[in-house]
Structure formats: C-alpha cells, structure tokens
N, C-alpha and C. Protein backbone atom coordinates (compact mmCIF):
# COMPACT_ATOMS: atom_id res chain seq x y z
N MET A 1 -38.67 21.24 -30.57
CA MET A 1 -37.31 20.97 -30.11
C MET A 1 -36.43 22.17 -30.43
N ASN A 2 -35.51 22.36 -29.59
CA ASN A 2 -34.64 23.50 -29.83
C ASN A 2 -33.49 23.10 -30.78
N ARG A 3 -32.91 24.09 -31.42
CA ARG A 3 -31.89 23.83 -32.45
C ARG A 3 -30.66 23.13 -31.90
N LYS A 4 -30.28 23.43 -30.70
CA LYS A 4 -29.08 22.84 -30.12
C LYS A 4 -29.25 21.31 -30.01
N VAL A 5 -30.40 20.86 -29.62
CA VAL A 5 -30.67 19.43 -29.50
C VAL A 5 -30.66 18.78 -30.88
N LEU A 6 -31.27 19.43 -31.87
CA LEU A 6 -31.28 18.89 -33.23
C LEU A 6 -29.87 18.77 -33.80
N TYR A 7 -29.06 19.81 -33.60
CA TYR A 7 -27.67 19.77 -34.08
C TYR A 7 -26.88 18.69 -33.35
N THR A 8 -27.12 18.50 -32.09
CA THR A 8 -26.43 17.45 -31.33
C THR A 8 -26.80 16.07 -31.85
N ILE A 9 -28.07 15.84 -32.09
CA ILE A 9 -28.53 14.55 -32.62
C ILE A 9 -27.96 14.32 -34.03
N ALA A 10 -28.02 15.34 -34.88
CA ALA A 10 -27.50 15.23 -36.24
C ALA A 10 -25.99 14.95 -36.22
N GLY A 11 -25.27 15.61 -35.35
CA GLY A 11 -23.83 15.39 -35.22
C GLY A 11 -23.52 13.98 -34.75
N PHE A 12 -24.31 13.50 -33.80
CA PHE A 12 -24.13 12.15 -33.28
C PHE A 12 -24.37 11.11 -34.38
N VAL A 13 -25.45 11.26 -35.13
CA VAL A 13 -25.77 10.33 -36.22
C VAL A 13 -24.68 10.38 -37.30
N ALA A 14 -24.23 11.57 -37.65
CA ALA A 14 -23.17 11.71 -38.65
C ALA A 14 -21.87 11.07 -38.16
N GLY A 15 -21.56 11.22 -36.89
CA GLY A 15 -20.35 10.61 -36.32
C GLY A 15 -20.40 9.09 -36.36
N ILE A 16 -21.54 8.52 -36.00
CA ILE A 16 -21.71 7.05 -36.05
C ILE A 16 -21.58 6.56 -37.48
N ALA A 17 -22.20 7.26 -38.44
CA ALA A 17 -22.11 6.86 -39.85
C ALA A 17 -20.67 6.93 -40.34
N LEU A 18 -19.94 7.96 -39.96
CA LEU A 18 -18.54 8.11 -40.36
C LEU A 18 -17.68 7.00 -39.79
N ILE A 19 -17.88 6.66 -38.53
CA ILE A 19 -17.12 5.57 -37.90
C ILE A 19 -17.41 4.24 -38.60
N TYR A 20 -18.68 3.98 -38.88
CA TYR A 20 -19.06 2.75 -39.56
C TYR A 20 -18.42 2.68 -40.95
N TYR A 21 -18.53 3.75 -41.72
CA TYR A 21 -17.98 3.78 -43.08
C TYR A 21 -16.47 3.61 -43.07
N SER A 22 -15.77 4.31 -42.21
CA SER A 22 -14.31 4.20 -42.18
C SER A 22 -13.88 2.81 -41.74
N GLY A 23 -14.65 2.16 -40.90
CA GLY A 23 -14.33 0.80 -40.47
C GLY A 23 -14.49 -0.21 -41.59
N THR A 24 -15.50 -0.07 -42.43
CA THR A 24 -15.70 -1.01 -43.52
C THR A 24 -14.70 -0.81 -44.64
N VAL A 25 -14.24 0.40 -44.84
CA VAL A 25 -13.29 0.68 -45.90
C VAL A 25 -11.87 0.30 -45.51
N THR A 26 -11.50 0.50 -44.26
CA THR A 26 -10.13 0.25 -43.84
C THR A 26 -9.93 -1.11 -43.19
N TYR A 27 -10.98 -1.87 -42.98
CA TYR A 27 -10.87 -3.18 -42.36
C TYR A 27 -10.18 -4.14 -43.32
N LEU A 28 -9.16 -4.84 -42.84
CA LEU A 28 -8.41 -5.80 -43.65
C LEU A 28 -9.08 -7.17 -43.54
N HIS A 29 -9.62 -7.64 -44.65
CA HIS A 29 -10.26 -8.95 -44.70
C HIS A 29 -9.20 -10.00 -45.02
N LYS A 30 -9.25 -11.14 -44.34
CA LYS A 30 -8.32 -12.24 -44.59
C LYS A 30 -9.12 -13.50 -44.84
N LYS A 31 -8.74 -14.24 -45.88
CA LYS A 31 -9.41 -15.50 -46.19
C LYS A 31 -8.39 -16.52 -46.66
N GLU A 32 -8.82 -17.78 -46.63
CA GLU A 32 -8.01 -18.89 -47.13
C GLU A 32 -8.83 -19.73 -48.08
N ILE A 33 -8.15 -20.30 -49.04
CA ILE A 33 -8.76 -21.26 -49.95
C ILE A 33 -7.96 -22.54 -49.84
N HIS A 34 -8.64 -23.64 -49.53
CA HIS A 34 -8.02 -24.94 -49.47
C HIS A 34 -8.41 -25.72 -50.72
N HIS A 35 -7.47 -26.38 -51.33
CA HIS A 35 -7.71 -27.16 -52.55
C HIS A 35 -8.32 -26.30 -53.65
N GLY A 36 -7.83 -25.07 -53.76
CA GLY A 36 -8.30 -24.19 -54.82
C GLY A 36 -7.57 -24.49 -56.12
N GLU A 37 -8.32 -24.61 -57.19
CA GLU A 37 -7.73 -24.93 -58.48
C GLU A 37 -7.71 -23.69 -59.36
N VAL A 38 -6.54 -23.35 -59.89
CA VAL A 38 -6.41 -22.21 -60.80
C VAL A 38 -7.01 -22.62 -62.14
N ILE A 39 -8.06 -21.93 -62.54
CA ILE A 39 -8.71 -22.27 -63.81
C ILE A 39 -8.34 -21.31 -64.93
N GLU A 40 -7.77 -20.15 -64.56
CA GLU A 40 -7.39 -19.19 -65.58
C GLU A 40 -6.32 -18.25 -65.04
N LYS A 41 -5.43 -17.82 -65.93
CA LYS A 41 -4.41 -16.82 -65.60
C LYS A 41 -4.56 -15.67 -66.58
N ALA A 42 -4.38 -14.44 -66.09
CA ALA A 42 -4.51 -13.28 -66.97
C ALA A 42 -3.62 -12.16 -66.46
N HIS A 43 -3.30 -11.24 -67.36
CA HIS A 43 -2.58 -10.02 -66.96
C HIS A 43 -3.03 -8.86 -67.83
N ASN A 44 -2.96 -7.69 -67.24
CA ASN A 44 -3.30 -6.46 -67.95
C ASN A 44 -2.49 -5.32 -67.32
N GLU A 45 -2.86 -4.08 -67.63
CA GLU A 45 -2.10 -2.94 -67.11
C GLU A 45 -2.22 -2.80 -65.59
N ASP A 46 -3.24 -3.45 -64.98
CA ASP A 46 -3.42 -3.38 -63.53
C ASP A 46 -2.60 -4.43 -62.78
N GLY A 47 -2.07 -5.43 -63.49
CA GLY A 47 -1.25 -6.44 -62.83
C GLY A 47 -1.53 -7.84 -63.33
N TYR A 48 -1.14 -8.81 -62.50
CA TYR A 48 -1.26 -10.23 -62.84
C TYR A 48 -2.33 -10.85 -61.95
N PHE A 49 -3.18 -11.69 -62.55
CA PHE A 49 -4.32 -12.25 -61.84
C PHE A 49 -4.45 -13.74 -62.11
N VAL A 50 -5.03 -14.44 -61.15
CA VAL A 50 -5.44 -15.83 -61.33
C VAL A 50 -6.90 -15.94 -60.92
N ILE A 51 -7.61 -16.83 -61.55
CA ILE A 51 -8.98 -17.12 -61.17
C ILE A 51 -8.99 -18.51 -60.56
N VAL A 52 -9.48 -18.59 -59.33
CA VAL A 52 -9.41 -19.82 -58.55
C VAL A 52 -10.81 -20.33 -58.26
N GLU A 53 -11.00 -21.62 -58.47
CA GLU A 53 -12.26 -22.28 -58.17
C GLU A 53 -12.03 -23.18 -56.96
N SER A 54 -12.98 -23.17 -56.03
CA SER A 54 -12.82 -23.95 -54.81
C SER A 54 -14.18 -24.42 -54.32
N LYS A 55 -14.15 -25.51 -53.55
CA LYS A 55 -15.40 -26.04 -52.98
C LYS A 55 -15.94 -25.12 -51.89
N ASN A 56 -15.08 -24.35 -51.21
CA ASN A 56 -15.56 -23.49 -50.13
C ASN A 56 -15.96 -22.09 -50.61
N HIS A 57 -16.06 -21.88 -51.93
CA HIS A 57 -16.56 -20.64 -52.52
C HIS A 57 -17.62 -20.99 -53.55
N ASP A 58 -18.70 -20.25 -53.58
CA ASP A 58 -19.78 -20.51 -54.53
C ASP A 58 -19.36 -20.21 -55.97
N GLU A 59 -18.60 -19.14 -56.13
CA GLU A 59 -18.18 -18.71 -57.46
C GLU A 59 -16.66 -18.64 -57.51
N PRO A 60 -16.07 -18.72 -58.71
CA PRO A 60 -14.62 -18.54 -58.82
C PRO A 60 -14.19 -17.17 -58.28
N VAL A 61 -12.99 -17.11 -57.72
CA VAL A 61 -12.47 -15.89 -57.12
C VAL A 61 -11.30 -15.38 -57.95
N GLU A 62 -11.34 -14.09 -58.31
CA GLU A 62 -10.22 -13.49 -59.02
C GLU A 62 -9.28 -12.87 -58.00
N LEU A 63 -8.01 -13.30 -58.04
CA LEU A 63 -7.02 -12.84 -57.09
C LEU A 63 -5.84 -12.20 -57.81
N LYS A 64 -5.37 -11.09 -57.28
CA LYS A 64 -4.20 -10.41 -57.84
C LYS A 64 -2.94 -11.06 -57.30
N VAL A 65 -1.96 -11.27 -58.17
CA VAL A 65 -0.67 -11.82 -57.79
C VAL A 65 0.33 -10.67 -57.74
N LYS A 66 1.06 -10.54 -56.63
CA LYS A 66 1.95 -9.38 -56.43
C LYS A 66 3.11 -9.35 -57.42
N GLU A 67 3.70 -10.50 -57.70
CA GLU A 67 4.91 -10.56 -58.51
C GLU A 67 4.68 -11.35 -59.80
N GLN A 68 5.25 -10.87 -60.89
CA GLN A 68 5.15 -11.59 -62.15
C GLN A 68 5.83 -12.95 -62.04
N SER A 69 6.95 -13.03 -61.32
CA SER A 69 7.67 -14.30 -61.18
C SER A 69 6.80 -15.35 -60.48
N THR A 70 6.01 -14.95 -59.49
CA THR A 70 5.09 -15.87 -58.82
C THR A 70 4.00 -16.30 -59.79
N TRP A 71 3.47 -15.35 -60.54
CA TRP A 71 2.42 -15.65 -61.52
C TRP A 71 2.92 -16.65 -62.55
N ASN A 72 4.20 -16.51 -62.97
CA ASN A 72 4.78 -17.43 -63.95
C ASN A 72 4.87 -18.86 -63.40
N LEU A 73 5.06 -19.01 -62.10
CA LEU A 73 5.21 -20.34 -61.50
C LEU A 73 3.88 -21.04 -61.24
N VAL A 74 2.79 -20.29 -61.18
CA VAL A 74 1.48 -20.88 -60.91
C VAL A 74 1.02 -21.66 -62.15
N ARG A 75 0.57 -22.91 -61.91
CA ARG A 75 0.12 -23.78 -63.00
C ARG A 75 -1.40 -23.94 -62.96
N LYS A 76 -2.00 -23.97 -64.12
CA LYS A 76 -3.44 -24.22 -64.20
C LYS A 76 -3.74 -25.65 -63.79
N GLU A 77 -4.96 -25.85 -63.30
CA GLU A 77 -5.47 -27.16 -62.93
C GLU A 77 -4.61 -27.86 -61.87
N THR A 78 -3.98 -27.07 -61.03
CA THR A 78 -3.20 -27.59 -59.92
C THR A 78 -3.85 -27.10 -58.63
N PRO A 79 -4.05 -27.99 -57.64
CA PRO A 79 -4.66 -27.54 -56.38
C PRO A 79 -3.65 -26.76 -55.52
N TYR A 80 -4.11 -25.63 -54.99
CA TYR A 80 -3.27 -24.77 -54.17
C TYR A 80 -3.97 -24.44 -52.85
N HIS A 81 -3.15 -24.18 -51.85
CA HIS A 81 -3.62 -23.60 -50.60
C HIS A 81 -3.23 -22.13 -50.68
N ILE A 82 -4.23 -21.24 -50.61
CA ILE A 82 -3.99 -19.81 -50.85
C ILE A 82 -4.51 -19.00 -49.68
N LYS A 83 -3.69 -18.06 -49.21
CA LYS A 83 -4.11 -17.07 -48.23
C LYS A 83 -4.11 -15.72 -48.94
N TYR A 84 -5.22 -14.97 -48.79
CA TYR A 84 -5.31 -13.68 -49.46
C TYR A 84 -6.01 -12.65 -48.58
N THR A 85 -5.76 -11.38 -48.89
CA THR A 85 -6.34 -10.28 -48.13
C THR A 85 -6.85 -9.21 -49.10
N TRP A 86 -7.75 -8.38 -48.57
CA TRP A 86 -8.21 -7.20 -49.31
C TRP A 86 -8.87 -6.24 -48.33
N PHE A 87 -9.00 -4.99 -48.75
CA PHE A 87 -9.73 -4.00 -47.97
C PHE A 87 -10.38 -3.01 -48.92
N GLY A 88 -11.47 -2.44 -48.44
CA GLY A 88 -12.19 -1.46 -49.24
C GLY A 88 -12.58 -2.01 -50.60
N GLY A 89 -12.38 -1.23 -51.63
CA GLY A 89 -12.72 -1.65 -52.98
C GLY A 89 -11.55 -2.25 -53.74
N LYS A 90 -10.47 -2.56 -53.07
CA LYS A 90 -9.28 -3.12 -53.72
C LYS A 90 -9.52 -4.57 -54.14
N SER A 91 -8.78 -5.01 -55.14
CA SER A 91 -8.83 -6.41 -55.56
C SER A 91 -8.19 -7.28 -54.50
N PRO A 92 -8.77 -8.46 -54.23
CA PRO A 92 -8.12 -9.38 -53.30
C PRO A 92 -6.73 -9.75 -53.82
N GLU A 93 -5.74 -9.78 -52.92
CA GLU A 93 -4.35 -10.01 -53.31
C GLU A 93 -3.78 -11.21 -52.55
N ILE A 94 -3.09 -12.07 -53.28
CA ILE A 94 -2.51 -13.27 -52.67
C ILE A 94 -1.34 -12.89 -51.77
N ASP A 95 -1.38 -13.41 -50.53
CA ASP A 95 -0.27 -13.24 -49.60
C ASP A 95 0.63 -14.47 -49.60
N GLU A 96 0.00 -15.66 -49.66
CA GLU A 96 0.75 -16.92 -49.68
C GLU A 96 0.04 -17.88 -50.62
N ILE A 97 0.84 -18.60 -51.39
CA ILE A 97 0.28 -19.64 -52.26
C ILE A 97 1.24 -20.82 -52.24
N GLU A 98 0.68 -22.01 -52.04
CA GLU A 98 1.50 -23.21 -51.96
C GLU A 98 0.75 -24.37 -52.62
N ALA A 99 1.43 -25.08 -53.48
CA ALA A 99 0.81 -26.24 -54.14
C ALA A 99 0.49 -27.28 -53.09
N GLU A 100 -0.70 -27.87 -53.17
CA GLU A 100 -1.15 -28.86 -52.18
C GLU A 100 -0.27 -30.07 -52.12
N GLU A 101 0.23 -30.56 -53.27
CA GLU A 101 1.05 -31.78 -53.25
C GLU A 101 2.37 -31.54 -52.50
N GLU A 102 2.85 -30.31 -52.44
CA GLU A 102 4.06 -30.00 -51.70
C GLU A 102 3.84 -30.08 -50.20
N LYS A 103 2.58 -29.88 -49.76
CA LYS A 103 2.27 -29.94 -48.34
C LYS A 103 2.03 -31.37 -47.88
N GLY A 104 1.98 -32.31 -48.81
CA GLY A 104 1.74 -33.70 -48.47
C GLY A 104 0.29 -34.01 -48.21
N GLU A 105 -0.61 -33.18 -48.75
CA GLU A 105 -2.05 -33.39 -48.54
C GLU A 105 -2.65 -34.17 -49.68
C-alpha cells in the first residue's frame, strides 16, 4: 500500500475516535429519581453532597447540591423526587429536588 492511503486511513480512524471521545465527555446526561430517600448528607472542600437510595437504582447515588441553603433544607429519611445531570467525569449535580409529600404522591 502506498503511504498516502495509509495516512488517509489513519487520519480517518483518528478522526472517528476523536469525535466519539468528545461526544462522551461533553454529552449532558439527565436522570430522575422517584421516591429517592436521602440516607446521608456530607460536605467537604468540594461542596455539599447527599447520598440517595432508590428502587430504580441498584446502588445509592452520591449527588452534589449546588447551594448550601438547599443542602440545609434536605432532610434524611424523607422521600424526594430528584432531577440531576452530569457530564464527563464531573459529579452528578441536583437540578431540582422536591419532597414527595409536597407533590401529593
């Protein structure tokens, strides 16, 4: 095979790999938890976090809370409806959280 063909194939493969990688890193994942129960609250230098257990997740999920005031209002052992997002290697972050009893469920 001539070098031009090899370079073209290598460039094509590298381009596909780059597109795939950039898509997985920048893709915004969105999920919801219904009847999720906060089993633990924690904070450190990286921020405020809650650990939520739910029937629709196999393992508890650690979620970052954007505001300390929101974190202060969250109660343990209370069912919540939670919407959260994340991308790349970032921690999942809560976008919306609402106590289930307030929704009339």
